[in-house]
PDB file of N, CA and C in Angstrom:
ATOM      1  N   UNK A   1       0.502  -1.170  -0.101  1.00  0.00           N
ATOM      2  CA  UNK A   1      -0.361  -0.144   0.077  1.00  0.00           C
ATOM      3  C   UNK A   1       0.826   0.991  -0.046  1.00  0.00           C
ATOM      4  N   UNK A   2       0.249   2.073  -0.688  1.00  0.00           N
ATOM      5  CA  UNK A   2       1.767   3.249  -0.481  1.00  0.00           C
ATOM      6  C   UNK A   2       0.620   4.365   0.216  1.00  0.00           C
ATOM      7  N   UNK A   3       1.285   5.128   0.727  1.00  0.00           N
ATOM      8  CA  UNK A   3       0.441   6.808   0.962  1.00  0.00           C
ATOM      9  C   UNK A   3       1.130   7.767   0.803  1.00  0.00           C
ATOM     10  N   UNK A   4       0.374   8.912   0.463  1.00  0.00           N
ATOM     11  CA  UNK A   4       0.992   9.852  -0.012  1.00  0.00           C
ATOM     12  C   UNK A   4       0.587  11.163   1.441  1.00  0.00           C
ATOM     13  N   UNK A   5       1.668  11.672   1.680  1.00  0.00           N
ATOM     14  CA  UNK A   5       1.198  12.716   3.040  1.00  0.00           C
ATOM     15  C   UNK A   5       2.400  13.577   2.540  1.00  0.00           C
ATOM     16  N   UNK A   6       1.598  14.712   2.427  1.00  0.00           N
ATOM     17  CA  UNK A   6       2.825  15.799   2.094  1.00  0.00           C
ATOM     18  C   UNK A   6       3.473  15.525   0.630  1.00  0.00           C
ATOM     19  N   UNK A   7       4.930  15.637   0.576  1.00  0.00           N
ATOM     20  CA  UNK A   7       5.715  15.482   0.462  1.00  0.00           C
ATOM     21  C   UNK A   7       6.117  14.629  -0.138  1.00  0.00           C
ATOM     22  N   UNK A   8       6.032  13.051   1.042  1.00  0.00           N
ATOM     23  CA  UNK A   8       6.580  12.188   1.886  1.00  0.00           C
ATOM     24  C   UNK A   8       6.078  10.776   0.832  1.00  0.00           C
ATOM     25  N   UNK A   9       5.743  10.167   0.950  1.00  0.00           N
ATOM     26  CA  UNK A   9       5.378   8.833   0.011  1.00  0.00           C
ATOM     27  C   UNK A   9       5.778   7.180   0.702  1.00  0.00           C
ATOM     28  N   UNK A  10       4.929   6.717   1.406  1.00  0.00           N
ATOM     29  CA  UNK A  10       5.487   6.076   1.770  1.00  0.00           C
ATOM     30  C   UNK A  10       4.897   4.676   1.763  1.00  0.00           C
ATOM     31  N   UNK A  11       5.714   3.577   1.179  1.00  0.00           N
ATOM     32  CA  UNK A  11       5.491   2.544   0.339  1.00  0.00           C
ATOM     33  C   UNK A  11       4.932   1.298   1.691  1.00  0.00           C
ATOM     34  N   UNK A  12       4.951   1.470   2.791  1.00  0.00           N
ATOM     35  CA  UNK A  12       4.578   0.762   3.707  1.00  0.00           C
ATOM     36  C   UNK A  12       3.405   1.235   4.984  1.00  0.00           C
ATOM     37  N   UNK A  13       2.958   2.206   4.681  1.00  0.00           N
ATOM     38  CA  UNK A  13       2.291   3.098   5.034  1.00  0.00           C
ATOM     39  C   UNK A  13       1.961   3.604   6.270  1.00  0.00           C
ATOM     40  N   UNK A  14       3.762   3.141   7.376  1.00  0.00           N
ATOM     41  CA  UNK A  14       3.934   3.383   8.741  1.00  0.00           C
ATOM     42  C   UNK A  14       4.220   5.183   8.508  1.00  0.00           C
ATOM     43  N   UNK A  15       3.392   6.074   9.315  1.00  0.00           N
ATOM     44  CA  UNK A  15       4.196   7.101  10.156  1.00  0.00           C
ATOM     45  C   UNK A  15       4.572   7.770  10.728  1.00  0.00           C
ATOM     46  N   UNK A  16       4.252   6.425  11.229  1.00  0.00           N
ATOM     47  CA  UNK A  16       4.867   6.816  12.760  1.00  0.00           C
ATOM     48  C   UNK A  16       6.315   6.792  12.436  1.00  0.00           C
ATOM     49  N   UNK A  17       6.486   5.253  11.969  1.00  0.00           N
ATOM     50  CA  UNK A  17       7.567   4.158  12.124  1.00  0.00           C
ATOM     51  C   UNK A  17       9.137   5.337  11.282  1.00  0.00           C
ATOM     52  N   UNK A  18       8.371   6.228  10.109  1.00  0.00           N
ATOM     53  CA  UNK A  18       8.620   7.435   9.296  1.00  0.00           C
ATOM     54  C   UNK A  18       9.163   8.530  10.147  1.00  0.00           C
ATOM     55  N   UNK A  19       8.306   8.667  10.665  1.00  0.00           N
ATOM     56  CA  UNK A  19       8.418  10.277  11.341  1.00  0.00           C
ATOM     57  C   UNK A  19       9.628   9.533  12.317  1.00  0.00           C
ATOM     58  N   UNK A  20       9.832   8.536  13.169  1.00  0.00           N
ATOM     59  CA  UNK A  20      10.588   8.218  14.086  1.00  0.00           C
ATOM     60  C   UNK A  20      12.439   7.912  13.256  1.00  0.00           C
ATOM     61  N   UNK A  21      12.145   7.619  11.764  1.00  0.00           N
ATOM     62  CA  UNK A  21      13.848   7.798  11.571  1.00  0.00           C
ATOM     63  C   UNK A  21      14.107   8.624  11.120  1.00  0.00           C
ATOM     64  N   UNK A  22      13.311   9.601  11.170  1.00  0.00           N
ATOM     65  CA  UNK A  22      13.941  11.242   9.941  1.00  0.00           C
ATOM     66  C   UNK A  22      14.073  12.312  11.626  1.00  0.00           C
ATOM     67  N   UNK A  23      14.721  13.074  11.167  1.00  0.00           N
ATOM     68  CA  UNK A  23      15.482  13.782  12.034  1.00  0.00           C
ATOM     69  C   UNK A  23      13.879  15.079  11.753  1.00  0.00           C
ATOM     70  N   UNK A  24      13.563  14.690  12.658  1.00  0.00           N
ATOM     71  CA  UNK A  24      12.296  16.805  13.043  1.00  0.00           C
ATOM     72  C   UNK A  24      13.255  18.238  12.681  1.00  0.00           C
ATOM     73  N   UNK A  25      12.544  19.254  12.048  1.00  0.00           N
ATOM     74  CA  UNK A  25      12.705  19.981  11.776  1.00  0.00           C
ATOM     75  C   UNK A  25      12.296  20.836  12.973  1.00  0.00           C
ATOM     76  N   UNK A  26      12.987  21.470  13.653  1.00  0.00           N
ATOM     77  CA  UNK A  26      12.993  22.596  15.291  1.00  0.00           C
ATOM     78  C   UNK A  26      12.048  23.687  14.072  1.00  0.00           C
ATOM     79  N   UNK A  27      10.943  24.099  15.087  1.00  0.00           N
ATOM     80  CA  UNK A  27      10.015  24.794  14.646  1.00  0.00           C
ATOM     81  C   UNK A  27      10.665  26.875  14.962  1.00  0.00           C
ATOM     82  N   UNK A  28      10.236  27.388  14.698  1.00  0.00           N
ATOM     83  CA  UNK A  28      10.133  28.535  15.177  1.00  0.00           C
ATOM     84  C   UNK A  28       9.767  28.497  16.720  1.00  0.00           C
ATOM     85  N   UNK A  29       8.656  28.223  16.799  1.00  0.00           N
ATOM     86  CA  UNK A  29       8.176  28.492  18.007  1.00  0.00           C
ATOM     87  C   UNK A  29       9.377  27.933  18.989  1.00  0.00           C
ATOM     88  N   UNK A  30       9.978  26.482  18.504  1.00  0.00           N
ATOM     89  CA  UNK A  30      10.628  25.726  19.566  1.00  0.00           C
ATOM     90  C   UNK A  30      11.951  26.092  19.663  1.00  0.00           C
ATOM     91  N   UNK A  31      12.401  27.116  19.223  1.00  0.00           N
ATOM     92  CA  UNK A  31      13.513  27.575  18.779  1.00  0.00           C
ATOM     93  C   UNK A  31      13.049  28.849  20.212  1.00  0.00           C
ATOM     94  N   UNK A  32      11.699  29.600  19.837  1.00  0.00           N
ATOM     95  CA  UNK A  32      11.794  30.419  20.898  1.00  0.00           C
ATOM     96  C   UNK A  32      11.386  29.920  22.158  1.00  0.00           C
ATOM     97  N   UNK A  33      11.200  28.658  22.501  1.00  0.00           N
ATOM     98  CA  UNK A  33      10.673  27.980  24.239  1.00  0.00           C
ATOM     99  C   UNK A  33      12.399  27.489  24.362  1.00  0.00           C
ATOM    100  N   UNK A  34      13.457  27.102  23.453  1.00  0.00           N
ATOM    101  CA  UNK A  34      14.451  26.999  24.023  1.00  0.00           C
ATOM    102  C   UNK A  34      15.333  27.825  24.523  1.00  0.00           C
ATOM    103  N   UNK A  35      14.442  29.035  23.494  1.00  0.00           N
ATOM    104  CA  UNK A  35      16.498  30.199  23.823  1.00  0.00           C
ATOM    105  C   UNK A  35      15.514  30.554  25.024  1.00  0.00           C
ATOM    106  N   UNK A  36      14.422  30.947  25.460  1.00  0.00           N
ATOM    107  CA  UNK A  36      13.105  31.520  26.563  1.00  0.00           C
ATOM    108  C   UNK A  36      14.123  30.657  28.006  1.00  0.00           C
ATOM    109  N   UNK A  37      14.062  28.627  27.974  1.00  0.00           N
ATOM    110  CA  UNK A  37      14.656  27.667  28.959  1.00  0.00           C
ATOM    111  C   UNK A  37      15.809  28.223  29.453  1.00  0.00           C
ATOM    112  N   UNK A  38      16.840  28.176  27.666  1.00  0.00           N
ATOM    113  CA  UNK A  38      18.071  28.499  28.488  1.00  0.00           C
ATOM    114  C   UNK A  38      18.334  30.267  28.722  1.00  0.00           C
ATOM    115  N   UNK A  39      17.313  30.794  28.528  1.00  0.00           N
ATOM    116  CA  UNK A  39      18.078  32.461  29.760  1.00  0.00           C
ATOM    117  C   UNK A  39      17.452  32.185  30.760  1.00  0.00           C
ATOM    118  N   UNK A  40      16.067  31.920  31.456  1.00  0.00           N
ATOM    119  CA  UNK A  40      15.918  31.139  32.386  1.00  0.00           C
ATOM    120  C   UNK A  40      16.899  30.897  33.367  1.00  0.00           C
ATOM    121  N   UNK A  41      17.756  29.315  32.979  1.00  0.00           N
ATOM    122  CA  UNK A  41      18.453  29.281  33.405  1.00  0.00           C
ATOM    123  C   UNK A  41      19.343  29.726  33.557  1.00  0.00           C
ATOM    124  N   UNK A  42      20.107  31.185  32.649  1.00  0.00           N
ATOM    125  CA  UNK A  42      21.509  31.162  32.634  1.00  0.00           C
ATOM    126  C   UNK A  42      20.697  32.024  33.954  1.00  0.00           C
ATOM    127  N   UNK A  43      20.194  33.221  34.358  1.00  0.00           N
ATOM    128  CA  UNK A  43      19.786  33.703  35.327  1.00  0.00           C
ATOM    129  C   UNK A  43      19.387  32.971  36.095  1.00  0.00           C
ATOM    130  N   UNK A  44      18.874  32.240  36.322  1.00  0.00           N
ATOM    131  CA  UNK A  44      19.306  31.494  37.838  1.00  0.00           C
ATOM    132  C   UNK A  44      20.460  31.239  38.951  1.00  0.00           C
ATOM    133  N   UNK A  45      21.303  30.420  37.329  1.00  0.00           N
ATOM    134  CA  UNK A  45      22.779  31.009  37.959  1.00  0.00           C
ATOM    135  C   UNK A  45      23.369  32.322  38.444  1.00  0.00           C
ATOM    136  N   UNK A  46      22.563  32.866  38.108  1.00  0.00           N
ATOM    137  CA  UNK A  46      23.501  35.417  38.188  1.00  0.00           C
ATOM    138  C   UNK A  46      22.315  35.375  39.409  1.00  0.00           C
ATOM    139  N   UNK A  47      21.444  34.907  39.640  1.00  0.00           N
ATOM    140  CA  UNK A  47      20.708  36.151  40.499  1.00  0.00           C
ATOM    141  C   UNK A  47      19.424  34.805  42.105  1.00  0.00           C
ATOM    142  N   UNK A  48      19.828  33.958  41.613  1.00  0.00           N
ATOM    143  CA  UNK A  48      19.501  33.021  41.485  1.00  0.00           C
ATOM    144  C   UNK A  48      17.622  32.738  41.811  1.00  0.00           C
ATOM    145  N   UNK A  49      17.019  31.894  42.925  1.00  0.00           N
ATOM    146  CA  UNK A  49      15.727  31.504  42.977  1.00  0.00           C
ATOM    147  C   UNK A  49      14.458  32.720  42.633  1.00  0.00           C
ATOM    148  N   UNK A  50      14.078  33.288  41.585  1.00  0.00           N
ATOM    149  CA  UNK A  50      13.349  34.494  41.039  1.00  0.00           C
ATOM    150  C   UNK A  50      12.321  35.229  42.392  1.00  0.00           C
ATOM    151  N   UNK A  51      11.979  34.422  43.011  1.00  0.00           N
ATOM    152  CA  UNK A  51      11.218  34.934  43.768  1.00  0.00           C
ATOM    153  C   UNK A  51      11.826  35.537  45.079  1.00  0.00           C
ATOM    154  N   UNK A  52      13.399  35.757  45.646  1.00  0.00           N
ATOM    155  CA  UNK A  52      13.836  36.772  46.429  1.00  0.00           C
ATOM    156  C   UNK A  52      13.333  37.916  45.625  1.00  0.00           C
ATOM    157  N   UNK A  53      13.749  38.496  43.775  1.00  0.00           N
ATOM    158  CA  UNK A  53      13.711  39.316  43.818  1.00  0.00           C
ATOM    159  C   UNK A  53      12.407  40.036  43.051  1.00  0.00           C
ATOM    160  N   UNK A  54      11.372  38.864  42.777  1.00  0.00           N
ATOM    161  CA  UNK A  54      10.489  39.249  42.590  1.00  0.00           C
ATOM    162  C   UNK A  54       9.886  39.884  43.947  1.00  0.00           C
ATOM    163  N   UNK A  55      10.288  39.056  45.150  1.00  0.00           N
ATOM    164  CA  UNK A  55       9.494  40.410  46.117  1.00  0.00           C
ATOM    165  C   UNK A  55      10.090  41.071  46.310  1.00  0.00           C
ATOM    166  N   UNK A  56      10.949  42.039  46.715  1.00  0.00           N
ATOM    167  CA  UNK A  56      11.778  42.620  46.589  1.00  0.00           C
ATOM    168  C   UNK A  56      10.486  44.123  45.862  1.00  0.00           C
ATOM    169  N   UNK A  57      10.835  43.564  44.656  1.00  0.00           N
ATOM    170  CA  UNK A  57       9.830  44.125  43.415  1.00  0.00           C
ATOM    171  C   UNK A  57       8.742  44.836  44.495  1.00  0.00           C
ATOM    172  N   UNK A  58       8.135  42.804  44.747  1.00  0.00           N
ATOM    173  CA  UNK A  58       6.738  43.403  45.561  1.00  0.00           C
ATOM    174  C   UNK A  58       6.382  45.248  46.122  1.00  0.00           C
ATOM    175  N   UNK A  59       7.631  44.270  47.127  1.00  0.00           N
ATOM    176  CA  UNK A  59       7.683  45.503  48.461  1.00  0.00           C
ATOM    177  C   UNK A  59       7.570  46.650  47.713  1.00  0.00           C
ATOM    178  N   UNK A  60       8.635  47.469  47.354  1.00  0.00           N
ATOM    179  CA  UNK A  60       8.635  48.657  46.429  1.00  0.00           C
ATOM    180  C   UNK A  60       7.662  48.901  46.257  1.00  0.00           C
ATOM    181  N   UNK A  61       7.327  48.399  44.631  1.00  0.00           N
ATOM    182  CA  UNK A  61       5.982  48.500  44.272  1.00  0.00           C
ATOM    183  C   UNK A  61       4.529  48.498  45.349  1.00  0.00           C
ATOM    184  N   UNK A  62       4.402  47.929  46.402  1.00  0.00           N
ATOM    185  CA  UNK A  62       4.101  48.087  47.168  1.00  0.00           C
ATOM    186  C   UNK A  62       3.622  49.866  48.177  1.00  0.00           C
ATOM    187  N   UNK A  63       5.274  49.790  48.276  1.00  0.00           N
ATOM    188  CA  UNK A  63       5.370  51.338  48.929  1.00  0.00           C
ATOM    189  C   UNK A  63       4.513  52.074  48.272  1.00  0.00           C
ATOM    190  N   UNK A  64       5.504  52.140  46.845  1.00  0.00           N
ATOM    191  CA  UNK A  64       5.141  53.124  45.899  1.00  0.00           C
ATOM    192  C   UNK A  64       3.395  53.608  45.495  1.00  0.00           C
ATOM    193  N   UNK A  65       2.990  52.235  45.665  1.00  0.00           N
ATOM    194  CA  UNK A  65       1.464  52.464  45.150  1.00  0.00           C
ATOM    195  C   UNK A  65       0.580  52.776  46.387  1.00  0.00           C
ATOM    196  N   UNK A  66       0.758  51.917  47.514  1.00  0.00           N
ATOM    197  CA  UNK A  66       0.052  52.081  48.897  1.00  0.00           C
ATOM    198  C   UNK A  66      -0.536  50.494  48.073  1.00  0.00           C
ATOM    199  N   UNK A  67      -0.475  50.180  48.190  1.00  0.00           N
ATOM    200  CA  UNK A  67      -1.419  48.696  48.226  1.00  0.00           C
ATOM    201  C   UNK A  67       0.266  47.591  48.222  1.00  0.00           C
ATOM    202  N   UNK A  68      -0.893  46.297  48.399  1.00  0.00           N
ATOM    203  CA  UNK A  68       0.252  45.739  48.255  1.00  0.00           C
ATOM    204  C   UNK A  68       0.381  44.982  47.151  1.00  0.00           C
ATOM    205  N   UNK A  69       0.750  44.583  46.215  1.00  0.00           N
ATOM    206  CA  UNK A  69       1.624  43.815  45.454  1.00  0.00           C
ATOM    207  C   UNK A  69       2.307  42.523  45.884  1.00  0.00           C
ATOM    208  N   UNK A  70       2.265  41.318  45.061  1.00  0.00           N
ATOM    209  CA  UNK A  70       2.737  39.988  45.407  1.00  0.00           C
ATOM    210  C   UNK A  70       3.536  39.792  44.456  1.00  0.00           C
ATOM    211  N   UNK A  71       4.549  38.739  44.808  1.00  0.00           N
ATOM    212  CA  UNK A  71       5.568  38.626  43.796  1.00  0.00           C
ATOM    213  C   UNK A  71       5.457  38.165  42.250  1.00  0.00           C
ATOM    214  N   UNK A  72       3.942  36.639  42.659  1.00  0.00           N
ATOM    215  CA  UNK A  72       3.826  36.481  41.363  1.00  0.00           C
ATOM    216  C   UNK A  72       3.322  37.521  40.503  1.00  0.00           C
ATOM    217  N   UNK A  73       2.919  38.788  41.107  1.00  0.00           N
ATOM    218  CA  UNK A  73       1.940  39.794  40.327  1.00  0.00           C
ATOM    219  C   UNK A  73       2.676  40.912  39.383  1.00  0.00           C
ATOM    220  N   UNK A  74       4.504  40.778  40.335  1.00  0.00           N
ATOM    221  CA  UNK A  74       5.319  41.027  39.273  1.00  0.00           C
ATOM    222  C   UNK A  74       5.457  40.307  38.429  1.00  0.00           C
ATOM    223  N   UNK A  75       5.648  39.487  37.994  1.00  0.00           N
ATOM    224  CA  UNK A  75       5.730  38.192  36.920  1.00  0.00           C
ATOM    225  C   UNK A  75       4.741  39.017  35.677  1.00  0.00           C
ATOM    226  N   UNK A  76       3.235  38.594  36.322  1.00  0.00           N
ATOM    227  CA  UNK A  76       2.537  38.699  35.594  1.00  0.00           C
ATOM    228  C   UNK A  76       2.475  40.454  34.596  1.00  0.00           C
ATOM    229  N   UNK A  77       2.735  41.470  35.456  1.00  0.00           N
ATOM    230  CA  UNK A  77       2.697  43.076  35.107  1.00  0.00           C
ATOM    231  C   UNK A  77       3.568  43.069  33.921  1.00  0.00           C
ATOM    232  N   UNK A  78       5.205  42.189  34.046  1.00  0.00           N
ATOM    233  CA  UNK A  78       6.017  42.448  33.541  1.00  0.00           C
ATOM    234  C   UNK A  78       5.838  41.672  32.322  1.00  0.00           C
ATOM    235  N   UNK A  79       5.146  40.807  31.853  1.00  0.00           N
ATOM    236  CA  UNK A  79       4.609  40.264  30.930  1.00  0.00           C
ATOM    237  C   UNK A  79       3.694  41.545  30.396  1.00  0.00           C
ATOM    238  N   UNK A  80       2.560  41.612  30.265  1.00  0.00           N
ATOM    239  CA  UNK A  80       1.971  42.587  30.101  1.00  0.00           C
ATOM    240  C   UNK A  80       2.924  43.957  29.725  1.00  0.00           C
ATOM    241  N   UNK A  81       3.650  44.346  30.491  1.00  0.00           N
ATOM    242  CA  UNK A  81       4.843  45.235  29.360  1.00  0.00           C
ATOM    243  C   UNK A  81       4.984  44.897  28.293  1.00  0.00           C
ATOM    244  N   UNK A  82       5.702  43.665  28.402  1.00  0.00           N
ATOM    245  CA  UNK A  82       5.955  42.780  27.028  1.00  0.00           C
ATOM    246  C   UNK A  82       4.540  43.010  26.079  1.00  0.00           C
ATOM    247  N   UNK A  83       4.147  42.622  26.214  1.00  0.00           N
ATOM    248  CA  UNK A  83       2.917  42.886  25.669  1.00  0.00           C
ATOM    249  C   UNK A  83       2.477  44.077  25.387  1.00  0.00           C
ATOM    250  N   UNK A  84       2.881  44.729  25.727  1.00  0.00           N
ATOM    251  CA  UNK A  84       2.523  46.191  25.749  1.00  0.00           C
ATOM    252  C   UNK A  84       3.183  46.717  24.495  1.00  0.00           C
ATOM    253  N   UNK A  85       4.102  46.857  24.655  1.00  0.00           N
ATOM    254  CA  UNK A  85       5.438  46.526  23.513  1.00  0.00           C
ATOM    255  C   UNK A  85       5.638  45.659  22.115  1.00  0.00           C
ATOM    256  N   UNK A  86       4.878  45.154  22.708  1.00  0.00           N
ATOM    257  CA  UNK A  86       4.293  44.389  21.303  1.00  0.00           C
ATOM    258  C   UNK A  86       3.774  44.716  20.536  1.00  0.00           C
ATOM    259  N   UNK A  87       3.289  45.842  21.143  1.00  0.00           N
ATOM    260  CA  UNK A  87       2.045  45.866  19.662  1.00  0.00           C
ATOM    261  C   UNK A  87       2.655  47.256  19.239  1.00  0.00           C
ATOM    262  N   UNK A  88       4.037  47.671  19.565  1.00  0.00           N
ATOM    263  CA  UNK A  88       4.415  48.660  18.532  1.00  0.00           C
ATOM    264  C   UNK A  88       5.036  47.890  17.516  1.00  0.00           C
ATOM    265  N   UNK A  89       5.342  47.195  17.612  1.00  0.00           N
ATOM    266  CA  UNK A  89       6.055  45.852  16.745  1.00  0.00           C
ATOM    267  C   UNK A  89       6.351  44.545  17.381  1.00  0.00           C
ATOM    268  N   UNK A  90       5.335  43.936  16.162  1.00  0.00           N
ATOM    269  CA  UNK A  90       5.401  42.741  16.268  1.00  0.00           C
ATOM    270  C   UNK A  90       6.125  41.804  16.399  1.00  0.00           C
ATOM    271  N   UNK A  91       7.432  42.329  15.489  1.00  0.00           N
ATOM    272  CA  UNK A  91       8.704  40.876  14.446  1.00  0.00           C
ATOM    273  C   UNK A  91       9.708  41.762  15.773  1.00  0.00           C
ATOM    274  N   UNK A  92       9.297  42.054  16.919  1.00  0.00           N
ATOM    275  CA  UNK A  92      10.254  41.879  18.023  1.00  0.00           C
ATOM    276  C   UNK A  92      10.461  40.610  18.783  1.00  0.00           C
ATOM    277  N   UNK A  93      11.321  40.165  18.553  1.00  0.00           N
ATOM    278  CA  UNK A  93      11.836  38.555  19.201  1.00  0.00           C
ATOM    279  C   UNK A  93      11.796  38.490  20.786  1.00  0.00           C
ATOM    280  N   UNK A  94      12.547  39.519  21.278  1.00  0.00           N
ATOM    281  CA  UNK A  94      12.627  40.219  22.434  1.00  0.00           C
ATOM    282  C   UNK A  94      11.294  39.948  23.822  1.00  0.00           C
ATOM    283  N   UNK A  95      10.624  40.199  22.988  1.00  0.00           N
ATOM    284  CA  UNK A  95       9.354  40.477  23.298  1.00  0.00           C
ATOM    285  C   UNK A  95       8.488  39.130  24.100  1.00  0.00           C
ATOM    286  N   UNK A  96       8.581  38.607  22.653  1.00  0.00           N
ATOM    287  CA  UNK A  96       7.899  37.236  22.670  1.00  0.00           C
ATOM    288  C   UNK A  96       8.361  36.147  23.931  1.00  0.00           C
ATOM    289  N   UNK A  97      10.183  36.730  23.958  1.00  0.00           N
ATOM    290  CA  UNK A  97      11.123  35.491  25.073  1.00  0.00           C
ATOM    291  C   UNK A  97      10.724  36.569  26.688  1.00  0.00           C
ATOM    292  N   UNK A  98      11.248  37.941  26.320  1.00  0.00           N
ATOM    293  CA  UNK A  98      10.766  37.941  27.623  1.00  0.00           C
ATOM    294  C   UNK A  98       9.213  37.863  28.397  1.00  0.00           C
ATOM    295  N   UNK A  99       7.940  37.555  28.191  1.00  0.00           N
ATOM    296  CA  UNK A  99       6.680  37.745  27.519  1.00  0.00           C
ATOM    297  C   UNK A  99       6.396  35.952  28.698  1.00  0.00           C
ATOM    298  N   UNK A 100       7.541  35.323  27.371  1.00  0.00           N
ATOM    299  CA  UNK A 100       6.845  33.670  28.272  1.00  0.00           C
ATOM    300  C   UNK A 100       8.094  33.500  29.052  1.00  0.00           C
ATOM    301  N   UNK A 101       9.303  33.849  29.031  1.00  0.00           N
ATOM    302  CA  UNK A 101       9.870  33.726  30.628  1.00  0.00           C
ATOM    303  C   UNK A 101       9.140  34.648  31.778  1.00  0.00           C
ATOM    304  N   UNK A 102       8.827  35.666  31.874  1.00  0.00           N
ATOM    305  CA  UNK A 102       7.428  35.852  32.753  1.00  0.00           C
ATOM    306  C   UNK A 102       6.650  35.685  32.808  1.00  0.00           C
ATOM    307  N   UNK A 103       6.060  35.113  31.918  1.00  0.00           N
ATOM    308  CA  UNK A 103       4.771  34.037  32.513  1.00  0.00           C
ATOM    309  C   UNK A 103       5.760  32.828  32.895  1.00  0.00           C
ATOM    310  N   UNK A 104       6.766  31.989  32.605  1.00  0.00           N
ATOM    311  CA  UNK A 104       7.025  30.963  33.860  1.00  0.00           C
ATOM    312  C   UNK A 104       7.473  31.504  34.502  1.00  0.00           C
ATOM    313  N   UNK A 105       8.140  32.216  35.126  1.00  0.00           N
ATOM    314  CA  UNK A 105       8.794  33.056  36.562  1.00  0.00           C
ATOM    315  C   UNK A 105       7.805  33.045  37.807  1.00  0.00           C
ATOM    316  N   UNK A 106       6.020  33.298  36.165  1.00  0.00           N
ATOM    317  CA  UNK A 106       5.248  33.937  37.947  1.00  0.00           C
ATOM    318  C   UNK A 106       4.962  32.292  38.170  1.00  0.00           C
ATOM    319  N   UNK A 107       4.861  31.693  37.465  1.00  0.00           N
ATOM    320  CA  UNK A 107       4.179  30.247  37.509  1.00  0.00           C
ATOM    321  C   UNK A 107       5.023  29.326  38.742  1.00  0.00           C
ATOM    322  N   UNK A 108       6.206  29.828  38.603  1.00  0.00           N
ATOM    323  CA  UNK A 108       7.379  28.915  39.255  1.00  0.00           C
ATOM    324  C   UNK A 108       7.476  29.905  40.855  1.00  0.00           C
ATOM    325  N   UNK A 109       6.700  30.748  40.899  1.00  0.00           N
ATOM    326  CA  UNK A 109       6.950  31.994  41.848  1.00  0.00           C
ATOM    327  C   UNK A 109       5.287  31.319  42.398  1.00  0.00           C
ATOM    328  N   UNK A 110       4.853  31.421  42.028  1.00  0.00           N
ATOM    329  CA  UNK A 110       3.123  31.177  42.988  1.00  0.00           C
ATOM    330  C   UNK A 110       3.820  29.536  43.439  1.00  0.00           C
ATOM    331  N   UNK A 111       3.951  28.948  42.482  1.00  0.00           N
ATOM    332  CA  UNK A 111       4.362  26.990  43.241  1.00  0.00           C
ATOM    333  C   UNK A 111       5.470  27.989  44.705  1.00  0.00           C
ATOM    334  N   UNK A 112       6.820  28.292  44.397  1.00  0.00           N
ATOM    335  CA  UNK A 112       7.419  28.846  45.471  1.00  0.00           C
ATOM    336  C   UNK A 112       6.333  29.421  46.758  1.00  0.00           C
ATOM    337  N   UNK A 113       5.010  30.638  46.717  1.00  0.00           N
ATOM    338  CA  UNK A 113       4.899  30.722  47.573  1.00  0.00           C
ATOM    339  C   UNK A 113       3.780  30.093  47.954  1.00  0.00           C
ATOM    340  N   UNK A 114       3.269  28.951  47.781  1.00  0.00           N
ATOM    341  CA  UNK A 114       2.338  28.206  48.018  1.00  0.00           C
ATOM    342  C   UNK A 114       3.131  26.444  48.844  1.00  0.00           C
ATOM    343  N   UNK A 115       4.836  26.384  48.760  1.00  0.00           N
ATOM    344  CA  UNK A 115       5.496  25.686  49.190  1.00  0.00           C
ATOM    345  C   UNK A 115       5.710  25.564  51.027  1.00  0.00           C
ATOM    346  N   UNK A 116       5.243  24.603  51.362  1.00  0.00           N
ATOM    347  CA  UNK A 116       5.139  25.210  53.574  1.00  0.00           C
ATOM    348  C   UNK A 116       6.899  24.780  53.300  1.00  0.00           C
ATOM    349  N   UNK A 117       7.453  24.632  51.972  1.00  0.00           N
ATOM    350  CA  UNK A 117       8.678  24.089  52.659  1.00  0.00           C
ATOM    351  C   UNK A 117       9.676  25.396  52.437  1.00  0.00           C
ATOM    352  N   UNK A 118       9.327  26.478  52.598  1.00  0.00           N
ATOM    353  CA  UNK A 118       9.927  27.226  51.140  1.00  0.00           C
ATOM    354  C   UNK A 118       9.291  28.746  51.907  1.00  0.00           C
ATOM    355  N   UNK A 119       9.711  29.484  53.494  1.00  0.00           N
ATOM    356  CA  UNK A 119       9.446  30.449  53.813  1.00  0.00           C
ATOM    357  C   UNK A 119      10.011  32.319  53.349  1.00  0.00           C
ATOM    358  N   UNK A 120       8.826  31.869  52.082  1.00  0.00           N
ATOM    359  CA  UNK A 120       9.385  33.098  51.072  1.00  0.00           C
ATOM    360  C   UNK A 120       9.012  34.444  51.951  1.00  0.00           C
ATOM    361  N   UNK A 121       8.147  34.294  52.625  1.00  0.00           N
ATOM    362  CA  UNK A 121       7.784  35.502  53.450  1.00  0.00           C
ATOM    363  C   UNK A 121       9.071  36.516  54.604  1.00  0.00           C
ATOM    364  N   UNK A 122       9.711  35.233  54.668  1.00  0.00           N
ATOM    365  CA  UNK A 122      10.827  36.048  56.032  1.00  0.00           C
ATOM    366  C   UNK A 122      11.757  37.253  54.535  1.00  0.00           C
TER     367      UNK A 122
END
């Protein structure tokens, strides 16, 4: 049986085997995520767990605004800054990368805030 899939013609009709034997192409999205992960790891080596810095920022923002801001909210707000900047020029890769990173950091901080093994309030 011959099965044609796109430009690939499979004589045995087994797409799974064919895909496992071929090297997949890296998509733009995969490259984007890969770069974000590398950047987050590099920043972690330089600055430690993001909750420490985001807690400090939250305290500064809270003092300035006059109402409490949580560390995970700092990361969400920073992602919103990047989303706003993207409106000016949707081709700027840095904004996509930073937005993804801040959303990931927000989740990491949210997890740390609810982790009983880590006293983030101190």
